[in-house]
Amino acid sequence: MLHVVLTFVGDKCHVPLASQLEYYGLMRKILIVPLLLLSACASPRETCMQDAVKDLRIVQALIADTQATIDRGYAIQTETRTVIYTNFCVGTGIGGDGRFSFCNYPQPVTTKKPVAVDLDQERRKLRSLKAKETELKRESLLQQQRCELEFPEAS
């Protein structure tokens, strides 16, 4: 059964063509396969090296975020809420007999809003994160050396 959702935007109605629906479904399947294959291709050495720098990368991202907050003078808070949309649907009746009906579907909506922060506290947090980064750089280097010893590169 083909499930068609008519989308209303303002006073216009978008009806996806059957070929578009088939194309989108096919493209999703095609794009997932290479991603699965790539994730399975990591060698034990690469996996070990990635694990060695994982915490360091997280702390570096937090440093960048905190620095951006200090530079802006305020934080940006992201809120996600679910909104229920109602659309006009075809083929959703009992037995899929092609009748028209209304269908509701939840859609996550993300909004960003500025939030006041204590800049002195953000500066303290930044100093703490930079100290942690220095510590993690040393640990990461040692772990990478262990990876090189445990999984020598094949020539």
C-alpha atoms as a PDB file:
ATOM      1  CA  MET A   1       0.000   0.000   0.000  1.00  0.00           C
ATOM      2  CA  LEU A   2       1.327   3.418  -0.922  1.00  0.00           C
ATOM      3  CA  HIS A   3       1.004   5.952   1.883  1.00  0.00           C
ATOM      4  CA  VAL A   4       0.927   9.502   0.523  1.00  0.00           C
ATOM      5  CA  VAL A   5       1.088  12.548   2.766  1.00  0.00           C
ATOM      6  CA  LEU A   6       0.015  15.874   1.355  1.00  0.00           C
ATOM      7  CA  THR A   7       1.947  18.647   3.010  1.00  0.00           C
ATOM      8  CA  PHE A   8       0.377  22.060   3.396  1.00  0.00           C
ATOM      9  CA  VAL A   9       2.715  25.048   3.508  1.00  0.00           C
ATOM     10  CA  GLY A  10       0.794  28.291   3.792  1.00  0.00           C
ATOM     11  CA  ASP A  11      -1.901  28.127   1.134  1.00  0.00           C
ATOM     12  CA  LYS A  12       0.002  25.651  -1.072  1.00  0.00           C
ATOM     13  CA  CYS A  13      -0.221  21.884  -1.054  1.00  0.00           C
ATOM     14  CA  HIS A  14       2.727  19.639  -1.933  1.00  0.00           C
ATOM     15  CA  VAL A  15       1.857  16.188  -3.264  1.00  0.00           C
ATOM     16  CA  PRO A  16       4.918  13.950  -3.656  1.00  0.00           C
ATOM     17  CA  LEU A  17       4.841  11.913  -6.834  1.00  0.00           C
ATOM     18  CA  ALA A  18       5.000   8.131  -6.558  1.00  0.00           C
ATOM     19  CA  SER A  19       8.380   8.203  -8.287  1.00  0.00           C
ATOM     20  CA  GLN A  20       9.680  10.668  -5.661  1.00  0.00           C
ATOM     21  CA  LEU A  21       8.497   8.456  -2.815  1.00  0.00           C
ATOM     22  CA  GLU A  22      10.156   5.404  -4.355  1.00  0.00           C
ATOM     23  CA  TYR A  23      13.320   7.424  -5.054  1.00  0.00           C
ATOM     24  CA  TYR A  24      13.601   8.697  -1.462  1.00  0.00           C
ATOM     25  CA  GLY A  25      13.093   5.212  -0.028  1.00  0.00           C
ATOM     26  CA  LEU A  26      15.670   3.757  -2.411  1.00  0.00           C
ATOM     27  CA  MET A  27      18.192   6.534  -1.715  1.00  0.00           C
ATOM     28  CA  ARG A  28      17.919   5.965   2.039  1.00  0.00           C
ATOM     29  CA  LYS A  29      18.704   2.280   1.558  1.00  0.00           C
ATOM     30  CA  ILE A  30      21.572   2.991  -0.825  1.00  0.00           C
ATOM     31  CA  LEU A  31      23.192   5.550   1.492  1.00  0.00           C
ATOM     32  CA  ILE A  32      23.042   3.324   4.576  1.00  0.00           C
ATOM     33  CA  VAL A  33      24.966   0.423   3.011  1.00  0.00           C
ATOM     34  CA  PRO A  34      28.288   2.277   2.441  1.00  0.00           C
ATOM     35  CA  LEU A  35      28.152   3.737   5.944  1.00  0.00           C
ATOM     36  CA  LEU A  36      27.774   0.276   7.437  1.00  0.00           C
ATOM     37  CA  LEU A  37      30.622  -1.044   5.303  1.00  0.00           C
ATOM     38  CA  LEU A  38      32.912   1.839   6.243  1.00  0.00           C
ATOM     39  CA  SER A  39      32.277   1.400   9.940  1.00  0.00           C
ATOM     40  CA  ALA A  40      33.190  -2.281   9.656  1.00  0.00           C
ATOM     41  CA  CYS A  41      36.461  -1.521   7.838  1.00  0.00           C
ATOM     42  CA  ALA A  42      38.374   0.107  10.720  1.00  0.00           C
ATOM     43  CA  SER A  43      41.459  -1.914  11.598  1.00  0.00           C
ATOM     44  CA  PRO A  44      42.192  -2.749  15.238  1.00  0.00           C
ATOM     45  CA  ARG A  45      45.022  -0.194  15.136  1.00  0.00           C
ATOM     46  CA  GLU A  46      42.715   2.558  13.845  1.00  0.00           C
ATOM     47  CA  THR A  47      40.094   1.678  16.433  1.00  0.00           C
ATOM     48  CA  CYS A  48      42.718   1.810  19.177  1.00  0.00           C
ATOM     49  CA  MET A  49      44.009   5.188  17.947  1.00  0.00           C
ATOM     50  CA  GLN A  50      40.470   6.610  17.780  1.00  0.00           C
ATOM     51  CA  ASP A  51      39.770   5.410  21.319  1.00  0.00           C
ATOM     52  CA  ALA A  52      43.023   7.013  22.481  1.00  0.00           C
ATOM     53  CA  VAL A  53      41.913  10.504  21.388  1.00  0.00           C
ATOM     54  CA  LYS A  54      38.154  10.236  22.027  1.00  0.00           C
ATOM     55  CA  ASP A  55      38.125  12.019  25.424  1.00  0.00           C
ATOM     56  CA  LEU A  56      40.608  14.613  24.204  1.00  0.00           C
ATOM     57  CA  ARG A  57      38.362  15.491  21.231  1.00  0.00           C
ATOM     58  CA  ILE A  58      35.350  15.872  23.528  1.00  0.00           C
ATOM     59  CA  VAL A  59      37.240  18.234  25.855  1.00  0.00           C
ATOM     60  CA  GLN A  60      38.511  20.223  22.865  1.00  0.00           C
ATOM     61  CA  ALA A  61      34.935  20.619  21.590  1.00  0.00           C
ATOM     62  CA  LEU A  62      33.853  21.814  25.046  1.00  0.00           C
ATOM     63  CA  ILE A  63      36.735  24.300  25.083  1.00  0.00           C
ATOM     64  CA  ALA A  64      35.653  25.671  21.690  1.00  0.00           C
ATOM     65  CA  ASP A  65      32.033  25.952  22.870  1.00  0.00           C
ATOM     66  CA  THR A  66      33.014  27.679  26.124  1.00  0.00           C
ATOM     67  CA  GLN A  67      35.353  30.062  24.280  1.00  0.00           C
ATOM     68  CA  ALA A  68      32.542  30.946  21.847  1.00  0.00           C
ATOM     69  CA  THR A  69      30.215  31.639  24.784  1.00  0.00           C
ATOM     70  CA  ILE A  70      32.791  33.967  26.370  1.00  0.00           C
ATOM     71  CA  ASP A  71      33.397  35.735  23.040  1.00  0.00           C
ATOM     72  CA  ARG A  72      29.647  36.265  22.469  1.00  0.00           C
ATOM     73  CA  GLY A  73      28.920  37.227  26.065  1.00  0.00           C
ATOM     74  CA  TYR A  74      25.958  34.850  26.284  1.00  0.00           C
ATOM     75  CA  ALA A  75      25.199  31.166  25.751  1.00  0.00           C
ATOM     76  CA  ILE A  76      22.886  29.662  23.177  1.00  0.00           C
ATOM     77  CA  GLN A  77      20.455  27.140  24.595  1.00  0.00           C
ATOM     78  CA  THR A  78      18.963  24.568  22.237  1.00  0.00           C
ATOM     79  CA  GLU A  79      15.484  23.311  23.020  1.00  0.00           C
ATOM     80  CA  THR A  80      13.756  20.495  21.182  1.00  0.00           C
ATOM     81  CA  ARG A  81      10.051  19.958  21.557  1.00  0.00           C
ATOM     82  CA  THR A  82       7.578  17.799  19.697  1.00  0.00           C
ATOM     83  CA  VAL A  83       4.842  19.438  17.663  1.00  0.00           C
ATOM     84  CA  ILE A  84       1.923  17.463  16.272  1.00  0.00           C
ATOM     85  CA  TYR A  85       1.141  18.300  12.650  1.00  0.00           C
ATOM     86  CA  THR A  86      -2.048  17.310  10.863  1.00  0.00           C
ATOM     87  CA  ASN A  87      -1.920  16.444   7.184  1.00  0.00           C
ATOM     88  CA  PHE A  88      -4.337  15.211   4.594  1.00  0.00           C
ATOM     89  CA  CYS A  89      -3.499  11.596   3.780  1.00  0.00           C
ATOM     90  CA  VAL A  90      -4.448   9.140   1.080  1.00  0.00           C
ATOM     91  CA  GLY A  91      -4.697   5.402   1.593  1.00  0.00           C
ATOM     92  CA  THR A  92      -4.655   5.348   5.369  1.00  0.00           C
ATOM     93  CA  GLY A  93      -8.169   4.035   5.868  1.00  0.00           C
ATOM     94  CA  ILE A  94      -8.858   0.543   7.178  1.00  0.00           C
ATOM     95  CA  GLY A  95      -7.666  -1.884   4.555  1.00  0.00           C
ATOM     96  CA  GLY A  96      -5.812   0.850   2.679  1.00  0.00           C
ATOM     97  CA  ASP A  97      -8.754   1.425   0.343  1.00  0.00           C
ATOM     98  CA  GLY A  98      -7.477   4.792  -0.866  1.00  0.00           C
ATOM     99  CA  ARG A  99      -9.840   7.008   1.080  1.00  0.00           C
ATOM    100  CA  PHE A 100      -8.851  10.479   2.129  1.00  0.00           C
ATOM    101  CA  SER A 101      -8.376  11.143   5.827  1.00  0.00           C
ATOM    102  CA  PHE A 102      -6.478  13.322   8.242  1.00  0.00           C
ATOM    103  CA  CYS A 103      -3.367  11.957   9.865  1.00  0.00           C
ATOM    104  CA  ASN A 104      -1.323  13.369  12.712  1.00  0.00           C
ATOM    105  CA  TYR A 105       2.399  12.964  12.995  1.00  0.00           C
ATOM    106  CA  PRO A 106       4.871  14.198  15.582  1.00  0.00           C
ATOM    107  CA  GLN A 107       7.702  16.383  14.358  1.00  0.00           C
ATOM    108  CA  PRO A 108      10.629  17.517  16.515  1.00  0.00           C
ATOM    109  CA  VAL A 109      11.172  21.270  16.374  1.00  0.00           C
ATOM    110  CA  THR A 110      14.466  22.686  17.579  1.00  0.00           C
ATOM    111  CA  THR A 111      14.825  26.304  18.627  1.00  0.00           C
ATOM    112  CA  LYS A 112      17.839  28.230  19.823  1.00  0.00           C
ATOM    113  CA  LYS A 113      17.645  31.110  22.225  1.00  0.00           C
ATOM    114  CA  PRO A 114      20.228  33.321  23.925  1.00  0.00           C
ATOM    115  CA  VAL A 115      20.728  32.741  27.640  1.00  0.00           C
ATOM    116  CA  ALA A 116      22.589  34.936  30.122  1.00  0.00           C
ATOM    117  CA  VAL A 117      25.630  33.330  31.760  1.00  0.00           C
ATOM    118  CA  ASP A 118      28.122  34.252  34.443  1.00  0.00           C
ATOM    119  CA  LEU A 119      31.186  35.091  32.335  1.00  0.00           C
ATOM    120  CA  ASP A 120      33.542  34.740  35.322  1.00  0.00           C
ATOM    121  CA  GLN A 121      32.269  31.221  35.880  1.00  0.00           C
ATOM    122  CA  GLU A 122      32.694  30.472  32.138  1.00  0.00           C
ATOM    123  CA  ARG A 123      36.314  31.711  32.319  1.00  0.00           C
ATOM    124  CA  ARG A 124      36.956  29.423  35.317  1.00  0.00           C
ATOM    125  CA  LYS A 125      35.393  26.556  33.417  1.00  0.00           C
ATOM    126  CA  LEU A 126      37.624  27.340  30.419  1.00  0.00           C
ATOM    127  CA  ARG A 127      40.764  27.311  32.577  1.00  0.00           C
ATOM    128  CA  SER A 128      39.700  23.982  34.083  1.00  0.00           C
ATOM    129  CA  LEU A 129      39.007  22.484  30.651  1.00  0.00           C
ATOM    130  CA  LYS A 130      42.380  23.654  29.332  1.00  0.00           C
ATOM    131  CA  ALA A 131      44.107  22.010  32.302  1.00  0.00           C
ATOM    132  CA  LYS A 132      42.187  18.816  31.593  1.00  0.00           C
ATOM    133  CA  GLU A 133      43.144  19.084  27.921  1.00  0.00           C
ATOM    134  CA  THR A 134      46.848  19.204  28.831  1.00  0.00           C
ATOM    135  CA  GLU A 135      46.430  16.120  31.011  1.00  0.00           C
ATOM    136  CA  LEU A 136      44.481  14.262  28.307  1.00  0.00           C
ATOM    137  CA  LYS A 137      47.082  15.134  25.649  1.00  0.00           C
ATOM    138  CA  ARG A 138      49.741  13.327  27.703  1.00  0.00           C
ATOM    139  CA  GLU A 139      47.483  10.320  28.329  1.00  0.00           C
ATOM    140  CA  SER A 140      46.412  10.231  24.692  1.00  0.00           C
ATOM    141  CA  LEU A 141      50.026  10.252  23.503  1.00  0.00           C
ATOM    142  CA  LEU A 142      50.851   7.319  25.793  1.00  0.00           C
ATOM    143  CA  GLN A 143      47.804   5.398  24.609  1.00  0.00           C
ATOM    144  CA  GLN A 144      48.720   6.039  20.974  1.00  0.00           C
ATOM    145  CA  GLN A 145      52.220   4.711  21.616  1.00  0.00           C
ATOM    146  CA  ARG A 146      50.687   1.599  23.206  1.00  0.00           C
ATOM    147  CA  CYS A 147      48.505   1.174  20.128  1.00  0.00           C
ATOM    148  CA  GLU A 148      51.551   1.383  17.858  1.00  0.00           C
ATOM    149  CA  LEU A 149      53.322  -1.274  19.942  1.00  0.00           C
ATOM    150  CA  GLU A 150      50.300  -3.547  20.210  1.00  0.00           C
ATOM    151  CA  PHE A 151      49.243  -3.199  16.556  1.00  0.00           C
ATOM    152  CA  PRO A 152      52.362  -2.561  14.445  1.00  0.00           C
ATOM    153  CA  GLU A 153      51.692  -1.114  11.018  1.00  0.00           C
ATOM    154  CA  ALA A 154      51.897  -3.789   8.321  1.00  0.00           C
ATOM    155  CA  SER A 155      54.357  -2.892   5.579  1.00  0.00           C
END
